[in-house]
PDB file of N, CA and C in Angstrom:
ATOM      1  N   MET A   1       3.586 -16.591  44.892  1.00  0.00           N
ATOM      2  CA  MET A   1       4.163 -16.467  43.558  1.00  0.00           C
ATOM      3  C   MET A   1       3.447 -15.333  42.881  1.00  0.00           C
ATOM      4  N   ALA A   2       4.211 -14.407  42.239  1.00  0.00           N
ATOM      5  CA  ALA A   2       3.669 -13.265  41.594  1.00  0.00           C
ATOM      6  C   ALA A   2       2.993 -13.732  40.275  1.00  0.00           C
ATOM      7  N   PRO A   3       1.867 -13.044  39.900  1.00  0.00           N
ATOM      8  CA  PRO A   3       1.164 -13.390  38.670  1.00  0.00           C
ATOM      9  C   PRO A   3       2.060 -13.140  37.427  1.00  0.00           C
ATOM     10  N   THR A   4       1.863 -14.003  36.414  1.00  0.00           N
ATOM     11  CA  THR A   4       2.565 -13.825  35.134  1.00  0.00           C
ATOM     12  C   THR A   4       2.067 -12.638  34.426  1.00  0.00           C
ATOM     13  N   PRO A   5       2.961 -11.775  33.968  1.00  0.00           N
ATOM     14  CA  PRO A   5       2.477 -10.621  33.175  1.00  0.00           C
ATOM     15  C   PRO A   5       1.802 -11.066  31.884  1.00  0.00           C
ATOM     16  N   ASN A   6       0.848 -10.275  31.498  1.00  0.00           N
ATOM     17  CA  ASN A   6       0.095 -10.550  30.344  1.00  0.00           C
ATOM     18  C   ASN A   6       0.882 -10.157  29.138  1.00  0.00           C
ATOM     19  N   VAL A   7       1.435 -11.154  28.445  1.00  0.00           N
ATOM     20  CA  VAL A   7       2.269 -10.946  27.282  1.00  0.00           C
ATOM     21  C   VAL A   7       1.366 -11.193  26.077  1.00  0.00           C
ATOM     22  N   PRO A   8       1.241 -10.258  25.163  1.00  0.00           N
ATOM     23  CA  PRO A   8       0.446 -10.440  23.943  1.00  0.00           C
ATOM     24  C   PRO A   8       1.134 -11.459  23.020  1.00  0.00           C
ATOM     25  N   LEU A   9       0.396 -12.497  22.631  1.00  0.00           N
ATOM     26  CA  LEU A   9       0.954 -13.480  21.697  1.00  0.00           C
ATOM     27  C   LEU A   9       0.108 -13.567  20.497  1.00  0.00           C
ATOM     28  N   GLY A  10       0.806 -13.765  19.358  1.00  0.00           N
ATOM     29  CA  GLY A  10       0.083 -14.023  18.091  1.00  0.00           C
ATOM     30  C   GLY A  10       0.500 -15.382  17.554  1.00  0.00           C
ATOM     31  N   ILE A  11      -0.332 -15.849  16.587  1.00  0.00           N
ATOM     32  CA  ILE A  11      -0.096 -17.151  16.013  1.00  0.00           C
ATOM     33  C   ILE A  11      -0.508 -17.178  14.518  1.00  0.00           C
ATOM     34  N   ALA A  12       0.194 -17.888  13.682  1.00  0.00           N
ATOM     35  CA  ALA A  12      -0.135 -17.971  12.248  1.00  0.00           C
ATOM     36  C   ALA A  12      -1.286 -18.909  12.020  1.00  0.00           C
ATOM     37  N   ILE A  13      -2.192 -18.508  11.149  1.00  0.00           N
ATOM     38  CA  ILE A  13      -3.343 -19.362  10.726  1.00  0.00           C
ATOM     39  C   ILE A  13      -2.784 -20.362   9.688  1.00  0.00           C
ATOM     40  N   PRO A  14      -3.203 -21.626   9.815  1.00  0.00           N
ATOM     41  CA  PRO A  14      -2.747 -22.603   8.805  1.00  0.00           C
ATOM     42  C   PRO A  14      -3.207 -22.113   7.421  1.00  0.00           C
ATOM     43  N   GLN A  15      -2.246 -22.034   6.512  1.00  0.00           N
ATOM     44  CA  GLN A  15      -2.461 -21.629   5.093  1.00  0.00           C
ATOM     45  C   GLN A  15      -1.940 -22.724   4.154  1.00  0.00           C
ATOM     46  N   VAL A  16      -1.154 -23.611   4.571  1.00  0.00           N
ATOM     47  CA  VAL A  16      -0.499 -24.539   3.727  1.00  0.00           C
ATOM     48  C   VAL A  16      -0.948 -25.924   4.020  1.00  0.00           C
ATOM     49  N   PHE A  17      -1.342 -26.662   3.048  1.00  0.00           N
ATOM     50  CA  PHE A  17      -1.833 -28.038   3.217  1.00  0.00           C
ATOM     51  C   PHE A  17      -1.032 -28.948   2.232  1.00  0.00           C
ATOM     52  N   LEU A  18       0.112 -29.452   2.665  1.00  0.00           N
ATOM     53  CA  LEU A  18       0.964 -30.239   1.833  1.00  0.00           C
ATOM     54  C   LEU A  18       0.356 -31.616   1.587  1.00  0.00           C
ATOM     55  N   ASP A  19       0.314 -32.028   0.368  1.00  0.00           N
ATOM     56  CA  ASP A  19      -0.085 -33.406  -0.029  1.00  0.00           C
ATOM     57  C   ASP A  19      -1.515 -33.784   0.612  1.00  0.00           C
ATOM     58  N   GLN A  20      -2.335 -32.794   0.748  1.00  0.00           N
ATOM     59  CA  GLN A  20      -3.673 -33.120   1.211  1.00  0.00           C
ATOM     60  C   GLN A  20      -4.616 -31.923   0.818  1.00  0.00           C
ATOM     61  N   PRO A  21      -5.890 -32.171   0.774  1.00  0.00           N
ATOM     62  CA  PRO A  21      -6.782 -31.090   0.346  1.00  0.00           C
ATOM     63  C   PRO A  21      -6.894 -29.975   1.461  1.00  0.00           C
ATOM     64  N   VAL A  22      -7.345 -28.835   1.075  1.00  0.00           N
ATOM     65  CA  VAL A  22      -7.481 -27.701   1.966  1.00  0.00           C
ATOM     66  C   VAL A  22      -8.560 -28.226   3.017  1.00  0.00           C
ATOM     67  N   ASP A  23      -8.231 -28.002   4.286  1.00  0.00           N
ATOM     68  CA  ASP A  23      -9.089 -28.380   5.413  1.00  0.00           C
ATOM     69  C   ASP A  23      -9.649 -27.189   6.155  1.00  0.00           C
ATOM     70  N   MET A  24     -10.717 -26.642   5.666  1.00  0.00           N
ATOM     71  CA  MET A  24     -11.312 -25.418   6.290  1.00  0.00           C
ATOM     72  C   MET A  24     -11.910 -25.712   7.653  1.00  0.00           C
ATOM     73  N   GLU A  25     -12.277 -26.977   7.906  1.00  0.00           N
ATOM     74  CA  GLU A  25     -12.704 -27.314   9.324  1.00  0.00           C
ATOM     75  C   GLU A  25     -11.534 -27.170  10.301  1.00  0.00           C
ATOM     76  N   LEU A  26     -10.384 -27.627   9.887  1.00  0.00           N
ATOM     77  CA  LEU A  26      -9.184 -27.420  10.684  1.00  0.00           C
ATOM     78  C   LEU A  26      -8.929 -25.942  10.933  1.00  0.00           C
ATOM     79  N   VAL A  27      -9.000 -25.145   9.915  1.00  0.00           N
ATOM     80  CA  VAL A  27      -8.799 -23.694   9.980  1.00  0.00           C
ATOM     81  C   VAL A  27      -9.794 -23.091  10.976  1.00  0.00           C
ATOM     82  N   GLN A  28     -11.038 -23.429  10.885  1.00  0.00           N
ATOM     83  CA  GLN A  28     -12.107 -22.944  11.747  1.00  0.00           C
ATOM     84  C   GLN A  28     -11.792 -23.313  13.215  1.00  0.00           C
ATOM     85  N   ARG A  29     -11.455 -24.559  13.471  1.00  0.00           N
ATOM     86  CA  ARG A  29     -11.143 -24.988  14.838  1.00  0.00           C
ATOM     87  C   ARG A  29      -9.884 -24.300  15.341  1.00  0.00           C
ATOM     88  N   PHE A  30      -8.923 -24.134  14.523  1.00  0.00           N
ATOM     89  CA  PHE A  30      -7.686 -23.473  14.904  1.00  0.00           C
ATOM     90  C   PHE A  30      -7.945 -21.984  15.257  1.00  0.00           C
ATOM     91  N   VAL A  31      -8.675 -21.282  14.456  1.00  0.00           N
ATOM     92  CA  VAL A  31      -8.984 -19.833  14.668  1.00  0.00           C
ATOM     93  C   VAL A  31      -9.789 -19.642  15.900  1.00  0.00           C
ATOM     94  N   THR A  32     -10.903 -20.433  16.033  1.00  0.00           N
ATOM     95  CA  THR A  32     -11.722 -20.245  17.229  1.00  0.00           C
ATOM     96  C   THR A  32     -11.040 -20.646  18.479  1.00  0.00           C
ATOM     97  N   ARG A  33     -10.170 -21.657  18.432  1.00  0.00           N
ATOM     98  CA  ARG A  33      -9.419 -22.040  19.627  1.00  0.00           C
ATOM     99  C   ARG A  33      -8.335 -21.003  19.968  1.00  0.00           C
ATOM    100  N   ALA A  34      -7.754 -20.374  19.020  1.00  0.00           N
ATOM    101  CA  ALA A  34      -6.780 -19.283  19.308  1.00  0.00           C
ATOM    102  C   ALA A  34      -7.495 -18.175  20.033  1.00  0.00           C
ATOM    103  N   GLU A  35      -8.706 -17.883  19.613  1.00  0.00           N
ATOM    104  CA  GLU A  35      -9.471 -16.833  20.325  1.00  0.00           C
ATOM    105  C   GLU A  35      -9.818 -17.236  21.726  1.00  0.00           C
ATOM    106  N   GLU A  36     -10.250 -18.502  21.857  1.00  0.00           N
ATOM    107  CA  GLU A  36     -10.635 -19.025  23.207  1.00  0.00           C
ATOM    108  C   GLU A  36      -9.402 -19.014  24.157  1.00  0.00           C
ATOM    109  N   LEU A  37      -8.245 -19.295  23.588  1.00  0.00           N
ATOM    110  CA  LEU A  37      -7.048 -19.243  24.456  1.00  0.00           C
ATOM    111  C   LEU A  37      -6.452 -17.860  24.655  1.00  0.00           C
ATOM    112  N   GLU A  38      -7.199 -16.861  24.149  1.00  0.00           N
ATOM    113  CA  GLU A  38      -6.898 -15.463  24.343  1.00  0.00           C
ATOM    114  C   GLU A  38      -5.584 -15.028  23.660  1.00  0.00           C
ATOM    115  N   TYR A  39      -5.275 -15.668  22.538  1.00  0.00           N
ATOM    116  CA  TYR A  39      -4.164 -15.087  21.706  1.00  0.00           C
ATOM    117  C   TYR A  39      -4.598 -13.655  21.357  1.00  0.00           C
ATOM    118  N   GLN A  40      -3.658 -12.753  21.296  1.00  0.00           N
ATOM    119  CA  GLN A  40      -3.920 -11.353  20.945  1.00  0.00           C
ATOM    120  C   GLN A  40      -4.199 -11.211  19.494  1.00  0.00           C
ATOM    121  N   SER A  41      -3.547 -12.002  18.669  1.00  0.00           N
ATOM    122  CA  SER A  41      -3.653 -11.862  17.189  1.00  0.00           C
ATOM    123  C   SER A  41      -3.461 -13.153  16.455  1.00  0.00           C
ATOM    124  N   ILE A  42      -4.017 -13.192  15.243  1.00  0.00           N
ATOM    125  CA  ILE A  42      -3.796 -14.302  14.307  1.00  0.00           C
ATOM    126  C   ILE A  42      -3.342 -13.732  12.997  1.00  0.00           C
ATOM    127  N   TRP A  43      -2.449 -14.424  12.337  1.00  0.00           N
ATOM    128  CA  TRP A  43      -1.702 -13.830  11.207  1.00  0.00           C
ATOM    129  C   TRP A  43      -1.723 -14.702   9.974  1.00  0.00           C
ATOM    130  N   VAL A  44      -1.637 -14.062   8.839  1.00  0.00           N
ATOM    131  CA  VAL A  44      -1.445 -14.687   7.519  1.00  0.00           C
ATOM    132  C   VAL A  44      -0.195 -14.106   6.888  1.00  0.00           C
ATOM    133  N   GLN A  45       0.327 -14.880   5.911  1.00  0.00           N
ATOM    134  CA  GLN A  45       1.454 -14.360   5.110  1.00  0.00           C
ATOM    135  C   GLN A  45       1.029 -14.321   3.693  1.00  0.00           C
ATOM    136  N   GLU A  46       1.729 -13.601   2.855  1.00  0.00           N
ATOM    137  CA  GLU A  46       1.476 -13.526   1.481  1.00  0.00           C
ATOM    138  C   GLU A  46       2.636 -14.159   0.667  1.00  0.00           C
ATOM    139  N   ARG A  47       2.258 -15.088  -0.202  1.00  0.00           N
ATOM    140  CA  ARG A  47       3.227 -15.723  -1.025  1.00  0.00           C
ATOM    141  C   ARG A  47       2.607 -16.019  -2.348  1.00  0.00           C
ATOM    142  N   LEU A  48       2.957 -15.315  -3.382  1.00  0.00           N
ATOM    143  CA  LEU A  48       2.353 -15.493  -4.688  1.00  0.00           C
ATOM    144  C   LEU A  48       2.998 -16.575  -5.489  1.00  0.00           C
ATOM    145  N   MET A  49       4.267 -16.764  -5.284  1.00  0.00           N
ATOM    146  CA  MET A  49       5.022 -17.791  -6.009  1.00  0.00           C
ATOM    147  C   MET A  49       5.807 -18.662  -5.063  1.00  0.00           C
ATOM    148  N   GLY A  50       6.155 -19.792  -5.538  1.00  0.00           N
ATOM    149  CA  GLY A  50       6.960 -20.726  -4.693  1.00  0.00           C
ATOM    150  C   GLY A  50       6.556 -22.155  -4.877  1.00  0.00           C
ATOM    151  N   ASP A  51       7.268 -22.976  -4.217  1.00  0.00           N
ATOM    152  CA  ASP A  51       7.034 -24.411  -4.375  1.00  0.00           C
ATOM    153  C   ASP A  51       5.803 -24.948  -3.555  1.00  0.00           C
ATOM    154  N   THR A  52       5.386 -24.249  -2.585  1.00  0.00           N
ATOM    155  CA  THR A  52       4.311 -24.695  -1.732  1.00  0.00           C
ATOM    156  C   THR A  52       3.039 -23.930  -1.945  1.00  0.00           C
ATOM    157  N   PRO A  53       1.927 -24.605  -2.353  1.00  0.00           N
ATOM    158  CA  PRO A  53       0.659 -23.931  -2.491  1.00  0.00           C
ATOM    159  C   PRO A  53       0.187 -23.333  -1.132  1.00  0.00           C
ATOM    160  N   THR A  54      -0.177 -22.085  -1.196  1.00  0.00           N
ATOM    161  CA  THR A  54      -0.592 -21.306  -0.018  1.00  0.00           C
ATOM    162  C   THR A  54      -1.915 -20.584  -0.216  1.00  0.00           C
ATOM    163  N   LEU A  55      -2.883 -20.734   0.753  1.00  0.00           N
ATOM    164  CA  LEU A  55      -4.113 -20.027   0.622  1.00  0.00           C
ATOM    165  C   LEU A  55      -3.851 -18.496   0.625  1.00  0.00           C
ATOM    166  N   GLU A  56      -4.660 -17.742  -0.104  1.00  0.00           N
ATOM    167  CA  GLU A  56      -4.537 -16.333  -0.186  1.00  0.00           C
ATOM    168  C   GLU A  56      -4.916 -15.680   1.108  1.00  0.00           C
ATOM    169  N   GLY A  57      -4.032 -14.818   1.632  1.00  0.00           N
ATOM    170  CA  GLY A  57      -4.117 -14.318   2.991  1.00  0.00           C
ATOM    171  C   GLY A  57      -5.357 -13.443   3.320  1.00  0.00           C
ATOM    172  N   LEU A  58      -5.618 -12.457   2.462  1.00  0.00           N
ATOM    173  CA  LEU A  58      -6.718 -11.539   2.776  1.00  0.00           C
ATOM    174  C   LEU A  58      -8.067 -12.248   2.736  1.00  0.00           C
ATOM    175  N   SER A  59      -8.253 -13.195   1.882  1.00  0.00           N
ATOM    176  CA  SER A  59      -9.494 -13.959   1.834  1.00  0.00           C
ATOM    177  C   SER A  59      -9.580 -14.828   3.087  1.00  0.00           C
ATOM    178  N   LEU A  60      -8.480 -15.365   3.511  1.00  0.00           N
ATOM    179  CA  LEU A  60      -8.454 -16.180   4.757  1.00  0.00           C
ATOM    180  C   LEU A  60      -8.751 -15.281   5.972  1.00  0.00           C
ATOM    181  N   LEU A  61      -8.249 -14.131   5.991  1.00  0.00           N
ATOM    182  CA  LEU A  61      -8.608 -13.177   7.118  1.00  0.00           C
ATOM    183  C   LEU A  61     -10.043 -12.777   7.113  1.00  0.00           C
ATOM    184  N   CYS A  62     -10.668 -12.630   5.943  1.00  0.00           N
ATOM    185  CA  CYS A  62     -12.127 -12.370   5.893  1.00  0.00           C
ATOM    186  C   CYS A  62     -12.900 -13.488   6.545  1.00  0.00           C
ATOM    187  N   TYR A  63     -12.448 -14.739   6.245  1.00  0.00           N
ATOM    188  CA  TYR A  63     -13.090 -15.931   6.877  1.00  0.00           C
ATOM    189  C   TYR A  63     -12.924 -15.813   8.368  1.00  0.00           C
ATOM    190  N   ALA A  64     -11.697 -15.574   8.800  1.00  0.00           N
ATOM    191  CA  ALA A  64     -11.429 -15.486  10.253  1.00  0.00           C
ATOM    192  C   ALA A  64     -12.219 -14.377  10.941  1.00  0.00           C
ATOM    193  N   ALA A  65     -12.414 -13.238  10.215  1.00  0.00           N
ATOM    194  CA  ALA A  65     -13.146 -12.174  10.830  1.00  0.00           C
ATOM    195  C   ALA A  65     -14.591 -12.563  11.051  1.00  0.00           C
ATOM    196  N   ALA A  66     -15.144 -13.374  10.159  1.00  0.00           N
ATOM    197  CA  ALA A  66     -16.569 -13.780  10.262  1.00  0.00           C
ATOM    198  C   ALA A  66     -16.755 -14.809  11.445  1.00  0.00           C
ATOM    199  N   ILE A  67     -15.715 -15.509  11.912  1.00  0.00           N
ATOM    200  CA  ILE A  67     -15.919 -16.502  12.902  1.00  0.00           C
ATOM    201  C   ILE A  67     -15.307 -16.104  14.220  1.00  0.00           C
ATOM    202  N   THR A  68     -14.787 -14.970  14.333  1.00  0.00           N
ATOM    203  CA  THR A  68     -14.204 -14.448  15.582  1.00  0.00           C
ATOM    204  C   THR A  68     -14.779 -13.133  15.993  1.00  0.00           C
ATOM    205  N   LYS A  69     -14.580 -12.686  17.203  1.00  0.00           N
ATOM    206  CA  LYS A  69     -15.184 -11.469  17.745  1.00  0.00           C
ATOM    207  C   LYS A  69     -14.083 -10.501  18.229  1.00  0.00           C
ATOM    208  N   LYS A  70     -12.991 -10.974  18.784  1.00  0.00           N
ATOM    209  CA  LYS A  70     -12.073 -10.029  19.476  1.00  0.00           C
ATOM    210  C   LYS A  70     -10.650 -10.149  19.087  1.00  0.00           C
ATOM    211  N   VAL A  71     -10.177 -11.287  18.588  1.00  0.00           N
ATOM    212  CA  VAL A  71      -8.761 -11.496  18.274  1.00  0.00           C
ATOM    213  C   VAL A  71      -8.421 -10.529  17.079  1.00  0.00           C
ATOM    214  N   ARG A  72      -7.218  -9.938  17.166  1.00  0.00           N
ATOM    215  CA  ARG A  72      -6.766  -9.059  16.066  1.00  0.00           C
ATOM    216  C   ARG A  72      -6.380  -9.924  14.889  1.00  0.00           C
ATOM    217  N   LEU A  73      -6.479  -9.315  13.656  1.00  0.00           N
ATOM    218  CA  LEU A  73      -6.201 -10.060  12.449  1.00  0.00           C
ATOM    219  C   LEU A  73      -5.003  -9.326  11.732  1.00  0.00           C
ATOM    220  N   GLY A  74      -3.965 -10.106  11.428  1.00  0.00           N
ATOM    221  CA  GLY A  74      -2.804  -9.419  10.863  1.00  0.00           C
ATOM    222  C   GLY A  74      -2.243  -9.998   9.568  1.00  0.00           C
ATOM    223  N   THR A  75      -1.669  -9.160   8.740  1.00  0.00           N
ATOM    224  CA  THR A  75      -0.939  -9.545   7.570  1.00  0.00           C
ATOM    225  C   THR A  75       0.539  -9.443   7.821  1.00  0.00           C
ATOM    226  N   SER A  76       1.230 -10.457   7.457  1.00  0.00           N
ATOM    227  CA  SER A  76       2.712 -10.518   7.694  1.00  0.00           C
ATOM    228  C   SER A  76       3.386 -11.139   6.472  1.00  0.00           C
ATOM    229  N   VAL A  77       3.645 -10.487   5.491  1.00  0.00           N
ATOM    230  CA  VAL A  77       3.586  -9.161   5.100  1.00  0.00           C
ATOM    231  C   VAL A  77       2.962  -9.127   3.723  1.00  0.00           C
ATOM    232  N   LEU A  78       2.107  -8.119   3.429  1.00  0.00           N
ATOM    233  CA  LEU A  78       1.610  -7.969   2.050  1.00  0.00           C
ATOM    234  C   LEU A  78       2.731  -7.420   1.210  1.00  0.00           C
ATOM    235  N   VAL A  79       2.856  -7.879  -0.015  1.00  0.00           N
ATOM    236  CA  VAL A  79       3.869  -7.406  -0.966  1.00  0.00           C
ATOM    237  C   VAL A  79       3.179  -6.260  -1.825  1.00  0.00           C
ATOM    238  N   ALA A  80       3.342  -5.121  -1.434  1.00  0.00           N
ATOM    239  CA  ALA A  80       2.624  -3.965  -1.982  1.00  0.00           C
ATOM    240  C   ALA A  80       2.789  -3.857  -3.497  1.00  0.00           C
ATOM    241  N   PRO A  81       3.987  -4.012  -4.089  1.00  0.00           N
ATOM    242  CA  PRO A  81       4.058  -3.899  -5.543  1.00  0.00           C
ATOM    243  C   PRO A  81       3.291  -4.885  -6.352  1.00  0.00           C
ATOM    244  N   ASP A  82       2.903  -5.986  -5.716  1.00  0.00           N
ATOM    245  CA  ASP A  82       2.081  -7.002  -6.477  1.00  0.00           C
ATOM    246  C   ASP A  82       0.613  -6.672  -6.509  1.00  0.00           C
ATOM    247  N   HIS A  83       0.217  -5.541  -5.950  1.00  0.00           N
ATOM    248  CA  HIS A  83      -1.226  -5.146  -5.896  1.00  0.00           C
ATOM    249  C   HIS A  83      -1.490  -3.806  -6.538  1.00  0.00           C
ATOM    250  N   ASN A  84      -2.635  -3.690  -7.091  1.00  0.00           N
ATOM    251  CA  ASN A  84      -3.172  -2.387  -7.503  1.00  0.00           C
ATOM    252  C   ASN A  84      -3.440  -1.593  -6.211  1.00  0.00           C
ATOM    253  N   PRO A  85      -2.824  -0.424  -6.015  1.00  0.00           N
ATOM    254  CA  PRO A  85      -2.909   0.324  -4.782  1.00  0.00           C
ATOM    255  C   PRO A  85      -4.383   0.657  -4.372  1.00  0.00           C
ATOM    256  N   ALA A  86      -5.175   1.088  -5.325  1.00  0.00           N
ATOM    257  CA  ALA A  86      -6.643   1.400  -4.997  1.00  0.00           C
ATOM    258  C   ALA A  86      -7.380   0.167  -4.598  1.00  0.00           C
ATOM    259  N   HIS A  87      -7.183  -0.901  -5.350  1.00  0.00           N
ATOM    260  CA  HIS A  87      -7.884  -2.162  -4.996  1.00  0.00           C
ATOM    261  C   HIS A  87      -7.455  -2.717  -3.644  1.00  0.00           C
ATOM    262  N   LEU A  88      -6.135  -2.691  -3.365  1.00  0.00           N
ATOM    263  CA  LEU A  88      -5.653  -3.145  -2.071  1.00  0.00           C
ATOM    264  C   LEU A  88      -6.215  -2.281  -0.931  1.00  0.00           C
ATOM    265  N   ALA A  89      -6.218  -0.957  -1.087  1.00  0.00           N
ATOM    266  CA  ALA A  89      -6.798  -0.117  -0.023  1.00  0.00           C
ATOM    267  C   ALA A  89      -8.251  -0.471   0.170  1.00  0.00           C
ATOM    268  N   LYS A  90      -9.021  -0.719  -0.898  1.00  0.00           N
ATOM    269  CA  LYS A  90     -10.436  -1.077  -0.748  1.00  0.00           C
ATOM    270  C   LYS A  90     -10.543  -2.417  -0.022  1.00  0.00           C
ATOM    271  N   GLN A  91      -9.762  -3.402  -0.402  1.00  0.00           N
ATOM    272  CA  GLN A  91      -9.794  -4.708   0.280  1.00  0.00           C
ATOM    273  C   GLN A  91      -9.527  -4.577   1.742  1.00  0.00           C
ATOM    274  N   LEU A  92      -8.501  -3.839   2.094  1.00  0.00           N
ATOM    275  CA  LEU A  92      -8.061  -3.659   3.496  1.00  0.00           C
ATOM    276  C   LEU A  92      -9.108  -2.896   4.301  1.00  0.00           C
ATOM    277  N   SER A  93      -9.635  -1.848   3.731  1.00  0.00           N
ATOM    278  CA  SER A  93     -10.641  -1.086   4.425  1.00  0.00           C
ATOM    279  C   SER A  93     -11.973  -1.898   4.655  1.00  0.00           C
ATOM    280  N   THR A  94     -12.300  -2.740   3.668  1.00  0.00           N
ATOM    281  CA  THR A  94     -13.467  -3.635   3.815  1.00  0.00           C
ATOM    282  C   THR A  94     -13.226  -4.600   4.923  1.00  0.00           C
ATOM    283  N   LEU A  95     -12.044  -5.257   4.895  1.00  0.00           N
ATOM    284  CA  LEU A  95     -11.729  -6.189   5.973  1.00  0.00           C
ATOM    285  C   LEU A  95     -11.708  -5.551   7.322  1.00  0.00           C
ATOM    286  N   ASP A  96     -11.178  -4.335   7.474  1.00  0.00           N
ATOM    287  CA  ASP A  96     -11.105  -3.669   8.704  1.00  0.00           C
ATOM    288  C   ASP A  96     -12.564  -3.339   9.177  1.00  0.00           C
ATOM    289  N   ASN A  97     -13.408  -2.968   8.295  1.00  0.00           N
ATOM    290  CA  ASN A  97     -14.767  -2.685   8.662  1.00  0.00           C
ATOM    291  C   ASN A  97     -15.504  -3.943   9.076  1.00  0.00           C
ATOM    292  N   MET A  98     -15.283  -5.000   8.304  1.00  0.00           N
ATOM    293  CA  MET A  98     -15.977  -6.296   8.611  1.00  0.00           C
ATOM    294  C   MET A  98     -15.560  -6.842   9.951  1.00  0.00           C
ATOM    295  N   SER A  99     -14.356  -6.494  10.409  1.00  0.00           N
ATOM    296  CA  SER A  99     -13.825  -7.063  11.667  1.00  0.00           C
ATOM    297  C   SER A  99     -13.917  -6.018  12.839  1.00  0.00           C
ATOM    298  N   ASP A 100     -14.652  -4.949  12.623  1.00  0.00           N
ATOM    299  CA  ASP A 100     -14.779  -3.951  13.707  1.00  0.00           C
ATOM    300  C   ASP A 100     -13.444  -3.343  14.105  1.00  0.00           C
ATOM    301  N   GLY A 101     -12.606  -3.088  13.112  1.00  0.00           N
ATOM    302  CA  GLY A 101     -11.335  -2.420  13.381  1.00  0.00           C
ATOM    303  C   GLY A 101     -10.226  -3.296  13.965  1.00  0.00           C
ATOM    304  N   ARG A 102     -10.309  -4.597  13.748  1.00  0.00           N
ATOM    305  CA  ARG A 102      -9.256  -5.505  14.322  1.00  0.00           C
ATOM    306  C   ARG A 102      -8.113  -5.795  13.423  1.00  0.00           C
ATOM    307  N   LEU A 103      -7.966  -5.108  12.267  1.00  0.00           N
ATOM    308  CA  LEU A 103      -6.949  -5.405  11.255  1.00  0.00           C
ATOM    309  C   LEU A 103      -5.637  -4.694  11.647  1.00  0.00           C
ATOM    310  N   THR A 104      -4.581  -5.474  11.583  1.00  0.00           N
ATOM    311  CA  THR A 104      -3.190  -4.927  11.620  1.00  0.00           C
ATOM    312  C   THR A 104      -2.558  -5.324  10.350  1.00  0.00           C
ATOM    313  N   ILE A 105      -1.939  -4.306   9.656  1.00  0.00           N
ATOM    314  CA  ILE A 105      -1.360  -4.491   8.324  1.00  0.00           C
ATOM    315  C   ILE A 105       0.131  -4.360   8.344  1.00  0.00           C
ATOM    316  N   GLY A 106       0.756  -5.384   7.816  1.00  0.00           N
ATOM    317  CA  GLY A 106       2.206  -5.353   7.535  1.00  0.00           C
ATOM    318  C   GLY A 106       2.384  -5.304   6.048  1.00  0.00           C
ATOM    319  N   ILE A 107       3.073  -4.279   5.560  1.00  0.00           N
ATOM    320  CA  ILE A 107       3.311  -4.105   4.116  1.00  0.00           C
ATOM    321  C   ILE A 107       4.792  -4.058   3.854  1.00  0.00           C
ATOM    322  N   GLY A 108       5.231  -4.708   2.787  1.00  0.00           N
ATOM    323  CA  GLY A 108       6.586  -4.682   2.368  1.00  0.00           C
ATOM    324  C   GLY A 108       6.752  -4.517   0.906  1.00  0.00           C
ATOM    325  N   LEU A 109       7.987  -4.452   0.466  1.00  0.00           N
ATOM    326  CA  LEU A 109       8.285  -4.246  -0.965  1.00  0.00           C
ATOM    327  C   LEU A 109       8.567  -5.568  -1.680  1.00  0.00           C
ATOM    328  N   GLY A 110       8.778  -6.638  -0.936  1.00  0.00           N
ATOM    329  CA  GLY A 110       9.019  -7.952  -1.493  1.00  0.00           C
ATOM    330  C   GLY A 110      10.344  -8.466  -1.138  1.00  0.00           C
ATOM    331  N   GLY A 111      10.611  -9.693  -1.544  1.00  0.00           N
ATOM    332  CA  GLY A 111      11.872 -10.362  -1.210  1.00  0.00           C
ATOM    333  C   GLY A 111      12.899 -10.269  -2.253  1.00  0.00           C
ATOM    334  N   ARG A 112      13.988 -11.003  -2.048  1.00  0.00           N
ATOM    335  CA  ARG A 112      15.015 -11.008  -3.056  1.00  0.00           C
ATOM    336  C   ARG A 112      14.604 -11.744  -4.339  1.00  0.00           C
ATOM    337  N   LEU A 113      14.958 -11.267  -5.422  1.00  0.00           N
ATOM    338  CA  LEU A 113      14.664 -11.892  -6.717  1.00  0.00           C
ATOM    339  C   LEU A 113      15.850 -12.818  -7.063  1.00  0.00           C
ATOM    340  N   GLN A 114      15.512 -13.933  -7.534  1.00  0.00           N
ATOM    341  CA  GLN A 114      16.606 -14.858  -8.008  1.00  0.00           C
ATOM    342  C   GLN A 114      16.542 -14.802  -9.531  1.00  0.00           C
ATOM    343  N   HIS A 115      17.682 -14.504 -10.134  1.00  0.00           N
ATOM    344  CA  HIS A 115      17.749 -14.395 -11.581  1.00  0.00           C
ATOM    345  C   HIS A 115      18.279 -15.662 -12.176  1.00  0.00           C
ATOM    346  N   ALA A 116      17.735 -16.089 -13.283  1.00  0.00           N
ATOM    347  CA  ALA A 116      18.241 -17.270 -13.971  1.00  0.00           C
ATOM    348  C   ALA A 116      19.564 -16.943 -14.635  1.00  0.00           C
ATOM    349  N   GLN A 117      20.453 -17.789 -14.556  1.00  0.00           N
ATOM    350  CA  GLN A 117      21.797 -17.516 -15.201  1.00  0.00           C
ATOM    351  C   GLN A 117      22.054 -18.454 -16.334  1.00  0.00           C
TER     352      GLN A 117
END
């Protein structure tokens, strides 16, 4: 049987804890296990508003950078207009340096706005 090709896989870091407190031990186990299983990347999303409380993505990636060595860290997707450009650039460059260049950045303009009628 031929060997299976090495397909890069990524996985989302837990950011939402419905009806329960934030479980950073779960996040730590999840992130370290993803690296052990040789996932190529781990990802966060950005959601500033909505019905579901979500941990802030860049802070969560900083945490993940501190407890991993080789897995890539990604944003899917930062909403650029919601950030001060200079501050965001500084945050991203700091995270990239902290992780030895493992950061992958996805940037967007945002989603559809729903207007009250």
